[in-house]
Amino acid sequence: MGLFFHRDDWAGGYGALRRRMLRLGHISFFGIGLLNFFFALTLSLVTFPEAYVRVASVGFIIAVMTMPLNCFLTAWKKPFRHLFPIPVLAVISGIVPILIAWPSS
């Protein structure tokens, strides 16, 4: 990815779907990884029920694996874009249990 990014026509040009998906896949790996990291830091400060923590952890793990993979696969073959609900639902399943179980006081 890093060898030819400076070329205007690389991966179809800056606005092309292929290049956008490659950029999104790259940043989603780090972004969701940071989200998972901050979730772990939150667990050291706030107590949540074990079931909520387990669901959120699995959701974030699935998201950090499937979002970049899905982005790169979509950059390769456009029909893979139909698999985006998998990582999106995984992120949602990581965030919602935290919000539900968040202590009110």
PDB file of N, CA and C in Angstrom:
ATOM      1  N   MET A   1       0.809  -1.187   0.000  1.00  0.00           N
ATOM      2  CA  MET A   1       0.000   0.000   0.000  1.00  0.00           C
ATOM      3  C   MET A   1       0.855   1.256   0.000  1.00  0.00           C
ATOM      4  N   GLY A   2       1.951   1.238   0.683  1.00  0.00           N
ATOM      5  CA  GLY A   2       2.723   2.455   0.862  1.00  0.00           C
ATOM      6  C   GLY A   2       3.680   2.796  -0.259  1.00  0.00           C
ATOM      7  N   LEU A   3       3.886   1.920  -1.231  1.00  0.00           N
ATOM      8  CA  LEU A   3       4.879   2.186  -2.260  1.00  0.00           C
ATOM      9  C   LEU A   3       4.406   3.150  -3.334  1.00  0.00           C
ATOM     10  N   PHE A   4       3.140   3.139  -3.660  1.00  0.00           N
ATOM     11  CA  PHE A   4       2.662   3.917  -4.803  1.00  0.00           C
ATOM     12  C   PHE A   4       1.568   4.915  -4.437  1.00  0.00           C
ATOM     13  N   PHE A   5       1.354   5.172  -3.157  1.00  0.00           N
ATOM     14  CA  PHE A   5       0.260   6.046  -2.742  1.00  0.00           C
ATOM     15  C   PHE A   5       0.396   7.458  -3.285  1.00  0.00           C
ATOM     16  N   HIS A   6       1.612   7.886  -3.585  1.00  0.00           N
ATOM     17  CA  HIS A   6       1.844   9.252  -4.061  1.00  0.00           C
ATOM     18  C   HIS A   6       1.399   9.464  -5.508  1.00  0.00           C
ATOM     19  N   ARG A   7       1.154   8.383  -6.223  1.00  0.00           N
ATOM     20  CA  ARG A   7       0.686   8.505  -7.609  1.00  0.00           C
ATOM     21  C   ARG A   7      -0.790   8.863  -7.640  1.00  0.00           C
ATOM     22  N   ASP A   8      -1.149   9.841  -8.467  1.00  0.00           N
ATOM     23  CA  ASP A   8      -2.540  10.286  -8.548  1.00  0.00           C
ATOM     24  C   ASP A   8      -3.485   9.190  -9.027  1.00  0.00           C
ATOM     25  N   ASP A   9      -2.995   8.299  -9.866  1.00  0.00           N
ATOM     26  CA  ASP A   9      -3.862   7.270 -10.434  1.00  0.00           C
ATOM     27  C   ASP A   9      -3.797   5.939  -9.686  1.00  0.00           C
ATOM     28  N   TRP A  10      -3.064   5.893  -8.573  1.00  0.00           N
ATOM     29  CA  TRP A  10      -2.924   4.643  -7.831  1.00  0.00           C
ATOM     30  C   TRP A  10      -4.278   4.199  -7.291  1.00  0.00           C
ATOM     31  N   ALA A  11      -4.608   2.946  -7.456  1.00  0.00           N
ATOM     32  CA  ALA A  11      -5.857   2.335  -6.989  1.00  0.00           C
ATOM     33  C   ALA A  11      -7.079   3.074  -7.523  1.00  0.00           C
ATOM     34  N   GLY A  12      -6.988   3.589  -8.728  1.00  0.00           N
ATOM     35  CA  GLY A  12      -8.128   4.246  -9.362  1.00  0.00           C
ATOM     36  C   GLY A  12      -8.253   5.732  -9.085  1.00  0.00           C
ATOM     37  N   GLY A  13      -7.316   6.313  -8.389  1.00  0.00           N
ATOM     38  CA  GLY A  13      -7.394   7.735  -8.067  1.00  0.00           C
ATOM     39  C   GLY A  13      -7.899   7.948  -6.653  1.00  0.00           C
ATOM     40  N   TYR A  14      -7.732   9.161  -6.161  1.00  0.00           N
ATOM     41  CA  TYR A  14      -8.024   9.448  -4.753  1.00  0.00           C
ATOM     42  C   TYR A  14      -9.476   9.181  -4.377  1.00  0.00           C
ATOM     43  N   GLY A  15     -10.412   9.473  -5.236  1.00  0.00           N
ATOM     44  CA  GLY A  15     -11.828   9.312  -4.912  1.00  0.00           C
ATOM     45  C   GLY A  15     -12.413   7.963  -5.278  1.00  0.00           C
ATOM     46  N   ALA A  16     -11.616   7.064  -5.820  1.00  0.00           N
ATOM     47  CA  ALA A  16     -12.122   5.760  -6.266  1.00  0.00           C
ATOM     48  C   ALA A  16     -12.500   4.880  -5.075  1.00  0.00           C
ATOM     49  N   LEU A  17     -13.510   4.052  -5.269  1.00  0.00           N
ATOM     50  CA  LEU A  17     -13.958   3.146  -4.209  1.00  0.00           C
ATOM     51  C   LEU A  17     -12.815   2.275  -3.703  1.00  0.00           C
ATOM     52  N   ARG A  18     -12.023   1.768  -4.608  1.00  0.00           N
ATOM     53  CA  ARG A  18     -10.928   0.874  -4.203  1.00  0.00           C
ATOM     54  C   ARG A  18      -9.969   1.578  -3.248  1.00  0.00           C
ATOM     55  N   ARG A  19      -9.589   2.784  -3.586  1.00  0.00           N
ATOM     56  CA  ARG A  19      -8.650   3.511  -2.738  1.00  0.00           C
ATOM     57  C   ARG A  19      -9.303   3.926  -1.415  1.00  0.00           C
ATOM     58  N   ARG A  20     -10.571   4.317  -1.459  1.00  0.00           N
ATOM     59  CA  ARG A  20     -11.276   4.670  -0.221  1.00  0.00           C
ATOM     60  C   ARG A  20     -11.367   3.471   0.715  1.00  0.00           C
ATOM     61  N   MET A  21     -11.638   2.296   0.169  1.00  0.00           N
ATOM     62  CA  MET A  21     -11.746   1.093   0.996  1.00  0.00           C
ATOM     63  C   MET A  21     -10.399   0.712   1.599  1.00  0.00           C
ATOM     64  N   LEU A  22      -9.323   0.896   0.843  1.00  0.00           N
ATOM     65  CA  LEU A  22      -8.003   0.620   1.388  1.00  0.00           C
ATOM     66  C   LEU A  22      -7.682   1.566   2.538  1.00  0.00           C
ATOM     67  N   ARG A  23      -8.025   2.850   2.378  1.00  0.00           N
ATOM     68  CA  ARG A  23      -7.796   3.818   3.459  1.00  0.00           C
ATOM     69  C   ARG A  23      -8.652   3.484   4.670  1.00  0.00           C
ATOM     70  N   LEU A  24      -9.919   3.156   4.442  1.00  0.00           N
ATOM     71  CA  LEU A  24     -10.819   2.826   5.541  1.00  0.00           C
ATOM     72  C   LEU A  24     -10.365   1.558   6.268  1.00  0.00           C
ATOM     73  N   GLY A  25      -9.924   0.564   5.530  1.00  0.00           N
ATOM     74  CA  GLY A  25      -9.438  -0.666   6.150  1.00  0.00           C
ATOM     75  C   GLY A  25      -8.220  -0.419   7.017  1.00  0.00           C
ATOM     76  N   HIS A  26      -7.348   0.453   6.554  1.00  0.00           N
ATOM     77  CA  HIS A  26      -6.141   0.786   7.295  1.00  0.00           C
ATOM     78  C   HIS A  26      -6.495   1.504   8.594  1.00  0.00           C
ATOM     79  N   ILE A  27      -7.317   2.528   8.518  1.00  0.00           N
ATOM     80  CA  ILE A  27      -7.640   3.304   9.710  1.00  0.00           C
ATOM     81  C   ILE A  27      -8.582   2.551  10.641  1.00  0.00           C
ATOM     82  N   SER A  28      -9.454   1.698  10.102  1.00  0.00           N
ATOM     83  CA  SER A  28     -10.379   0.963  10.969  1.00  0.00           C
ATOM     84  C   SER A  28      -9.634  -0.021  11.864  1.00  0.00           C
ATOM     85  N   PHE A  29      -8.546  -0.583  11.374  1.00  0.00           N
ATOM     86  CA  PHE A  29      -7.762  -1.498  12.193  1.00  0.00           C
ATOM     87  C   PHE A  29      -7.247  -0.778  13.435  1.00  0.00           C
ATOM     88  N   PHE A  30      -6.707   0.414  13.238  1.00  0.00           N
ATOM     89  CA  PHE A  30      -6.171   1.167  14.367  1.00  0.00           C
ATOM     90  C   PHE A  30      -7.282   1.791  15.205  1.00  0.00           C
ATOM     91  N   GLY A  31      -8.322   2.291  14.548  1.00  0.00           N
ATOM     92  CA  GLY A  31      -9.417   2.938  15.269  1.00  0.00           C
ATOM     93  C   GLY A  31     -10.171   1.982  16.169  1.00  0.00           C
ATOM     94  N   ILE A  32     -10.539   0.830  15.652  1.00  0.00           N
ATOM     95  CA  ILE A  32     -11.265  -0.145  16.464  1.00  0.00           C
ATOM     96  C   ILE A  32     -10.333  -0.756  17.513  1.00  0.00           C
ATOM     97  N   GLY A  33      -9.068  -0.888  17.177  1.00  0.00           N
ATOM     98  CA  GLY A  33      -8.088  -1.351  18.163  1.00  0.00           C
ATOM     99  C   GLY A  33      -7.984  -0.384  19.332  1.00  0.00           C
ATOM    100  N   LEU A  34      -7.973   0.924  19.037  1.00  0.00           N
ATOM    101  CA  LEU A  34      -7.953   1.922  20.108  1.00  0.00           C
ATOM    102  C   LEU A  34      -9.239   1.893  20.922  1.00  0.00           C
ATOM    103  N   LEU A  35     -10.349   1.693  20.257  1.00  0.00           N
ATOM    104  CA  LEU A  35     -11.625   1.576  20.952  1.00  0.00           C
ATOM    105  C   LEU A  35     -11.577   0.406  21.934  1.00  0.00           C
ATOM    106  N   ASN A  36     -11.023  -0.697  21.511  1.00  0.00           N
ATOM    107  CA  ASN A  36     -10.870  -1.871  22.368  1.00  0.00           C
ATOM    108  C   ASN A  36      -9.922  -1.576  23.528  1.00  0.00           C
ATOM    109  N   PHE A  37      -8.846  -0.860  23.251  1.00  0.00           N
ATOM    110  CA  PHE A  37      -7.881  -0.485  24.291  1.00  0.00           C
ATOM    111  C   PHE A  37      -8.545   0.394  25.350  1.00  0.00           C
ATOM    112  N   PHE A  38      -9.314   1.403  24.908  1.00  0.00           N
ATOM    113  CA  PHE A  38      -9.978   2.283  25.863  1.00  0.00           C
ATOM    114  C   PHE A  38     -11.079   1.549  26.631  1.00  0.00           C
ATOM    115  N   PHE A  39     -11.678   0.569  26.010  1.00  0.00           N
ATOM    116  CA  PHE A  39     -12.635  -0.291  26.711  1.00  0.00           C
ATOM    117  C   PHE A  39     -11.930  -1.016  27.857  1.00  0.00           C
ATOM    118  N   ALA A  40     -10.751  -1.555  27.583  1.00  0.00           N
ATOM    119  CA  ALA A  40      -9.989  -2.249  28.629  1.00  0.00           C
ATOM    120  C   ALA A  40      -9.595  -1.288  29.752  1.00  0.00           C
ATOM    121  N   LEU A  41      -9.222  -0.067  29.406  1.00  0.00           N
ATOM    122  CA  LEU A  41      -8.905   0.925  30.443  1.00  0.00           C
ATOM    123  C   LEU A  41     -10.136   1.255  31.281  1.00  0.00           C
ATOM    124  N   THR A  42     -11.267   1.352  30.630  1.00  0.00           N
ATOM    125  CA  THR A  42     -12.516   1.629  31.339  1.00  0.00           C
ATOM    126  C   THR A  42     -12.827   0.517  32.332  1.00  0.00           C
ATOM    127  N   LEU A  43     -12.554  -0.717  31.947  1.00  0.00           N
ATOM    128  CA  LEU A  43     -12.822  -1.845  32.844  1.00  0.00           C
ATOM    129  C   LEU A  43     -11.978  -1.783  34.105  1.00  0.00           C
ATOM    130  N   SER A  44     -10.823  -1.138  34.036  1.00  0.00           N
ATOM    131  CA  SER A  44      -9.998  -1.012  35.237  1.00  0.00           C
ATOM    132  C   SER A  44     -10.525   0.072  36.170  1.00  0.00           C
ATOM    133  N   LEU A  45     -11.414   0.931  35.684  1.00  0.00           N
ATOM    134  CA  LEU A  45     -11.942   2.035  36.494  1.00  0.00           C
ATOM    135  C   LEU A  45     -13.399   1.853  36.900  1.00  0.00           C
ATOM    136  N   VAL A  46     -14.170   1.156  36.084  1.00  0.00           N
ATOM    137  CA  VAL A  46     -15.611   1.008  36.307  1.00  0.00           C
ATOM    138  C   VAL A  46     -15.941  -0.482  36.338  1.00  0.00           C
ATOM    139  N   THR A  47     -16.801  -0.863  37.250  1.00  0.00           N
ATOM    140  CA  THR A  47     -17.212  -2.265  37.358  1.00  0.00           C
ATOM    141  C   THR A  47     -18.492  -2.492  36.566  1.00  0.00           C
ATOM    142  N   PHE A  48     -18.444  -3.480  35.690  1.00  0.00           N
ATOM    143  CA  PHE A  48     -19.593  -3.877  34.890  1.00  0.00           C
ATOM    144  C   PHE A  48     -19.918  -5.332  35.190  1.00  0.00           C
ATOM    145  N   PRO A  49     -21.165  -5.736  35.006  1.00  0.00           N
ATOM    146  CA  PRO A  49     -21.489  -7.167  35.136  1.00  0.00           C
ATOM    147  C   PRO A  49     -20.708  -7.990  34.106  1.00  0.00           C
ATOM    148  N   GLU A  50     -20.308  -9.156  34.532  1.00  0.00           N
ATOM    149  CA  GLU A  50     -19.454 -10.017  33.695  1.00  0.00           C
ATOM    150  C   GLU A  50     -20.072 -10.332  32.338  1.00  0.00           C
ATOM    151  N   ALA A  51     -21.365 -10.575  32.290  1.00  0.00           N
ATOM    152  CA  ALA A  51     -22.025 -10.912  31.022  1.00  0.00           C
ATOM    153  C   ALA A  51     -21.906  -9.771  30.016  1.00  0.00           C
ATOM    154  N   TYR A  52     -22.055  -8.530  30.477  1.00  0.00           N
ATOM    155  CA  TYR A  52     -21.942  -7.377  29.588  1.00  0.00           C
ATOM    156  C   TYR A  52     -20.512  -7.218  29.070  1.00  0.00           C
ATOM    157  N   VAL A  53     -19.566  -7.445  29.958  1.00  0.00           N
ATOM    158  CA  VAL A  53     -18.154  -7.347  29.564  1.00  0.00           C
ATOM    159  C   VAL A  53     -17.818  -8.392  28.513  1.00  0.00           C
ATOM    160  N   ARG A  54     -18.325  -9.600  28.705  1.00  0.00           N
ATOM    161  CA  ARG A  54     -18.049 -10.684  27.764  1.00  0.00           C
ATOM    162  C   ARG A  54     -18.628 -10.371  26.375  1.00  0.00           C
ATOM    163  N   VAL A  55     -19.870  -9.915  26.341  1.00  0.00           N
ATOM    164  CA  VAL A  55     -20.517  -9.593  25.059  1.00  0.00           C
ATOM    165  C   VAL A  55     -19.772  -8.445  24.372  1.00  0.00           C
ATOM    166  N   ALA A  56     -19.439  -7.413  25.123  1.00  0.00           N
ATOM    167  CA  ALA A  56     -18.729  -6.269  24.548  1.00  0.00           C
ATOM    168  C   ALA A  56     -17.347  -6.676  24.035  1.00  0.00           C
ATOM    169  N   SER A  57     -16.644  -7.486  24.802  1.00  0.00           N
ATOM    170  CA  SER A  57     -15.299  -7.926  24.388  1.00  0.00           C
ATOM    171  C   SER A  57     -15.343  -8.728  23.098  1.00  0.00           C
ATOM    172  N   VAL A  58     -16.265  -9.662  23.022  1.00  0.00           N
ATOM    173  CA  VAL A  58     -16.398 -10.470  21.806  1.00  0.00           C
ATOM    174  C   VAL A  58     -16.770  -9.581  20.622  1.00  0.00           C
ATOM    175  N   GLY A  59     -17.678  -8.632  20.843  1.00  0.00           N
ATOM    176  CA  GLY A  59     -18.061  -7.711  19.772  1.00  0.00           C
ATOM    177  C   GLY A  59     -16.884  -6.922  19.238  1.00  0.00           C
ATOM    178  N   PHE A  60     -16.066  -6.378  20.147  1.00  0.00           N
ATOM    179  CA  PHE A  60     -14.905  -5.601  19.709  1.00  0.00           C
ATOM    180  C   PHE A  60     -13.861  -6.472  19.009  1.00  0.00           C
ATOM    181  N   ILE A  61     -13.681  -7.687  19.482  1.00  0.00           N
ATOM    182  CA  ILE A  61     -12.710  -8.588  18.839  1.00  0.00           C
ATOM    183  C   ILE A  61     -13.167  -8.939  17.424  1.00  0.00           C
ATOM    184  N   ILE A  62     -14.446  -9.251  17.281  1.00  0.00           N
ATOM    185  CA  ILE A  62     -14.964  -9.562  15.946  1.00  0.00           C
ATOM    186  C   ILE A  62     -14.853  -8.333  15.042  1.00  0.00           C
ATOM    187  N   ALA A  63     -15.150  -7.167  15.583  1.00  0.00           N
ATOM    188  CA  ALA A  63     -15.084  -5.935  14.792  1.00  0.00           C
ATOM    189  C   ALA A  63     -13.668  -5.626  14.325  1.00  0.00           C
ATOM    190  N   VAL A  64     -12.685  -5.769  15.215  1.00  0.00           N
ATOM    191  CA  VAL A  64     -11.309  -5.426  14.835  1.00  0.00           C
ATOM    192  C   VAL A  64     -10.753  -6.395  13.792  1.00  0.00           C
ATOM    193  N   MET A  65     -11.310  -7.590  13.721  1.00  0.00           N
ATOM    194  CA  MET A  65     -10.864  -8.535  12.698  1.00  0.00           C
ATOM    195  C   MET A  65     -11.636  -8.376  11.392  1.00  0.00           C
ATOM    196  N   THR A  66     -12.945  -8.165  11.485  1.00  0.00           N
ATOM    197  CA  THR A  66     -13.758  -8.193  10.275  1.00  0.00           C
ATOM    198  C   THR A  66     -13.841  -6.873   9.529  1.00  0.00           C
ATOM    199  N   MET A  67     -13.736  -5.740  10.220  1.00  0.00           N
ATOM    200  CA  MET A  67     -13.856  -4.460   9.514  1.00  0.00           C
ATOM    201  C   MET A  67     -12.694  -4.236   8.537  1.00  0.00           C
ATOM    202  N   PRO A  68     -11.430  -4.344   8.966  1.00  0.00           N
ATOM    203  CA  PRO A  68     -10.357  -4.174   7.982  1.00  0.00           C
ATOM    204  C   PRO A  68     -10.395  -5.242   6.885  1.00  0.00           C
ATOM    205  N   LEU A  69     -10.680  -6.471   7.274  1.00  0.00           N
ATOM    206  CA  LEU A  69     -10.754  -7.547   6.283  1.00  0.00           C
ATOM    207  C   LEU A  69     -11.836  -7.253   5.252  1.00  0.00           C
ATOM    208  N   ASN A  70     -12.987  -6.832   5.717  1.00  0.00           N
ATOM    209  CA  ASN A  70     -14.086  -6.532   4.805  1.00  0.00           C
ATOM    210  C   ASN A  70     -13.743  -5.345   3.904  1.00  0.00           C
ATOM    211  N   CYS A  71     -13.084  -4.342   4.454  1.00  0.00           N
ATOM    212  CA  CYS A  71     -12.685  -3.189   3.629  1.00  0.00           C
ATOM    213  C   CYS A  71     -11.711  -3.617   2.537  1.00  0.00           C
ATOM    214  N   PHE A  72     -10.709  -4.412   2.897  1.00  0.00           N
ATOM    215  CA  PHE A  72      -9.731  -4.853   1.903  1.00  0.00           C
ATOM    216  C   PHE A  72     -10.363  -5.791   0.866  1.00  0.00           C
ATOM    217  N   LEU A  73     -11.266  -6.647   1.312  1.00  0.00           N
ATOM    218  CA  LEU A  73     -11.958  -7.515   0.362  1.00  0.00           C
ATOM    219  C   LEU A  73     -12.850  -6.706  -0.581  1.00  0.00           C
ATOM    220  N   THR A  74     -13.495  -5.660  -0.067  1.00  0.00           N
ATOM    221  CA  THR A  74     -14.323  -4.800  -0.909  1.00  0.00           C
ATOM    222  C   THR A  74     -13.474  -4.044  -1.908  1.00  0.00           C
ATOM    223  N   ALA A  75     -12.266  -3.649  -1.510  1.00  0.00           N
ATOM    224  CA  ALA A  75     -11.360  -2.995  -2.449  1.00  0.00           C
ATOM    225  C   ALA A  75     -10.956  -3.951  -3.560  1.00  0.00           C
ATOM    226  N   TRP A  76     -10.887  -5.233  -3.232  1.00  0.00           N
ATOM    227  CA  TRP A  76     -10.501  -6.237  -4.217  1.00  0.00           C
ATOM    228  C   TRP A  76     -11.674  -6.600  -5.121  1.00  0.00           C
ATOM    229  N   LYS A  77     -12.818  -6.920  -4.523  1.00  0.00           N
ATOM    230  CA  LYS A  77     -14.023  -7.308  -5.264  1.00  0.00           C
ATOM    231  C   LYS A  77     -15.219  -6.584  -4.644  1.00  0.00           C
ATOM    232  N   LYS A  78     -15.867  -5.758  -5.425  1.00  0.00           N
ATOM    233  CA  LYS A  78     -16.944  -4.895  -4.940  1.00  0.00           C
ATOM    234  C   LYS A  78     -18.091  -5.634  -4.243  1.00  0.00           C
ATOM    235  N   PRO A  79     -18.499  -6.843  -4.654  1.00  0.00           N
ATOM    236  CA  PRO A  79     -19.622  -7.512  -3.973  1.00  0.00           C
ATOM    237  C   PRO A  79     -19.401  -7.790  -2.481  1.00  0.00           C
ATOM    238  N   PHE A  80     -18.158  -7.777  -2.019  1.00  0.00           N
ATOM    239  CA  PHE A  80     -17.908  -7.993  -0.594  1.00  0.00           C
ATOM    240  C   PHE A  80     -18.489  -6.874   0.266  1.00  0.00           C
ATOM    241  N   ARG A  81     -18.901  -5.768  -0.350  1.00  0.00           N
ATOM    242  CA  ARG A  81     -19.480  -4.649   0.414  1.00  0.00           C
ATOM    243  C   ARG A  81     -20.764  -5.072   1.114  1.00  0.00           C
ATOM    244  N   HIS A  82     -21.377  -6.122   0.638  1.00  0.00           N
ATOM    245  CA  HIS A  82     -22.613  -6.597   1.259  1.00  0.00           C
ATOM    246  C   HIS A  82     -22.370  -7.265   2.618  1.00  0.00           C
ATOM    247  N   LEU A  83     -21.115  -7.487   2.950  1.00  0.00           N
ATOM    248  CA  LEU A  83     -20.786  -8.084   4.246  1.00  0.00           C
ATOM    249  C   LEU A  83     -20.563  -7.050   5.344  1.00  0.00           C
ATOM    250  N   PHE A  84     -20.682  -5.755   5.030  1.00  0.00           N
ATOM    251  CA  PHE A  84     -20.446  -4.713   6.027  1.00  0.00           C
ATOM    252  C   PHE A  84     -21.347  -4.791   7.256  1.00  0.00           C
ATOM    253  N   PRO A  85     -22.554  -5.325   7.180  1.00  0.00           N
ATOM    254  CA  PRO A  85     -23.332  -5.439   8.426  1.00  0.00           C
ATOM    255  C   PRO A  85     -22.644  -6.267   9.509  1.00  0.00           C
ATOM    256  N   ILE A  86     -21.784  -7.194   9.136  1.00  0.00           N
ATOM    257  CA  ILE A  86     -21.106  -8.024  10.138  1.00  0.00           C
ATOM    258  C   ILE A  86     -20.225  -7.173  11.052  1.00  0.00           C
ATOM    259  N   PRO A  87     -19.257  -6.400  10.531  1.00  0.00           N
ATOM    260  CA  PRO A  87     -18.445  -5.596  11.451  1.00  0.00           C
ATOM    261  C   PRO A  87     -19.224  -4.464  12.114  1.00  0.00           C
ATOM    262  N   VAL A  88     -20.195  -3.910  11.416  1.00  0.00           N
ATOM    263  CA  VAL A  88     -20.984  -2.824  12.014  1.00  0.00           C
ATOM    264  C   VAL A  88     -21.778  -3.349  13.207  1.00  0.00           C
ATOM    265  N   LEU A  89     -22.428  -4.489  13.044  1.00  0.00           N
ATOM    266  CA  LEU A  89     -23.167  -5.081  14.164  1.00  0.00           C
ATOM    267  C   LEU A  89     -22.232  -5.509  15.294  1.00  0.00           C
ATOM    268  N   ALA A  90     -21.017  -5.904  14.943  1.00  0.00           N
ATOM    269  CA  ALA A  90     -20.047  -6.278  15.972  1.00  0.00           C
ATOM    270  C   ALA A  90     -19.647  -5.050  16.804  1.00  0.00           C
ATOM    271  N   VAL A  91     -19.434  -3.914  16.159  1.00  0.00           N
ATOM    272  CA  VAL A  91     -19.111  -2.691  16.898  1.00  0.00           C
ATOM    273  C   VAL A  91     -20.291  -2.288  17.782  1.00  0.00           C
ATOM    274  N   ILE A  92     -21.473  -2.366  17.225  1.00  0.00           N
ATOM    275  CA  ILE A  92     -22.670  -2.027  18.007  1.00  0.00           C
ATOM    276  C   ILE A  92     -22.809  -2.966  19.207  1.00  0.00           C
ATOM    277  N   SER A  93     -22.534  -4.257  19.004  1.00  0.00           N
ATOM    278  CA  SER A  93     -22.635  -5.206  20.115  1.00  0.00           C
ATOM    279  C   SER A  93     -21.519  -5.000  21.135  1.00  0.00           C
ATOM    280  N   GLY A  94     -20.491  -4.257  20.776  1.00  0.00           N
ATOM    281  CA  GLY A  94     -19.463  -3.899  21.746  1.00  0.00           C
ATOM    282  C   GLY A  94     -19.822  -2.646  22.526  1.00  0.00           C
ATOM    283  N   ILE A  95     -20.496  -1.709  21.881  1.00  0.00           N
ATOM    284  CA  ILE A  95     -20.806  -0.433  22.519  1.00  0.00           C
ATOM    285  C   ILE A  95     -22.079  -0.493  23.360  1.00  0.00           C
ATOM    286  N   VAL A  96     -23.116  -1.124  22.853  1.00  0.00           N
ATOM    287  CA  VAL A  96     -24.414  -1.119  23.539  1.00  0.00           C
ATOM    288  C   VAL A  96     -24.359  -1.735  24.942  1.00  0.00           C
ATOM    289  N   PRO A  97     -23.709  -2.877  25.154  1.00  0.00           N
ATOM    290  CA  PRO A  97     -23.659  -3.410  26.526  1.00  0.00           C
ATOM    291  C   PRO A  97     -22.973  -2.455  27.510  1.00  0.00           C
ATOM    292  N   ILE A  98     -21.980  -1.735  27.043  1.00  0.00           N
ATOM    293  CA  ILE A  98     -21.312  -0.758  27.906  1.00  0.00           C
ATOM    294  C   ILE A  98     -22.281   0.346  28.302  1.00  0.00           C
ATOM    295  N   LEU A  99     -23.022   0.842  27.323  1.00  0.00           N
ATOM    296  CA  LEU A  99     -23.973   1.916  27.608  1.00  0.00           C
ATOM    297  C   LEU A  99     -25.092   1.439  28.527  1.00  0.00           C
ATOM    298  N   ILE A 100     -25.559   0.225  28.324  1.00  0.00           N
ATOM    299  CA  ILE A 100     -26.632  -0.314  29.166  1.00  0.00           C
ATOM    300  C   ILE A 100     -26.154  -0.505  30.605  1.00  0.00           C
ATOM    301  N   ALA A 101     -24.956  -1.033  30.751  1.00  0.00           N
ATOM    302  CA  ALA A 101     -24.459  -1.365  32.089  1.00  0.00           C
ATOM    303  C   ALA A 101     -23.749  -0.209  32.783  1.00  0.00           C
ATOM    304  N   TRP A 102     -23.615   0.932  32.116  1.00  0.00           N
ATOM    305  CA  TRP A 102     -22.886   2.060  32.709  1.00  0.00           C
ATOM    306  C   TRP A 102     -23.550   2.475  34.018  1.00  0.00           C
ATOM    307  N   PRO A 103     -22.761   2.629  35.073  1.00  0.00           N
ATOM    308  CA  PRO A 103     -23.344   3.028  36.365  1.00  0.00           C
ATOM    309  C   PRO A 103     -23.976   4.416  36.272  1.00  0.00           C
ATOM    310  N   SER A 104     -25.139   4.573  36.859  1.00  0.00           N
ATOM    311  CA  SER A 104     -25.850   5.846  36.742  1.00  0.00           C
ATOM    312  C   SER A 104     -25.356   6.883  37.731  1.00  0.00           C
ATOM    313  N   SER A 105     -24.628   6.511  38.731  1.00  0.00           N
ATOM    314  CA  SER A 105     -24.153   7.528  39.683  1.00  0.00           C
ATOM    315  C   SER A 105     -22.650   7.651  39.685  1.00  0.00           C
TER     316      SER A 105
END
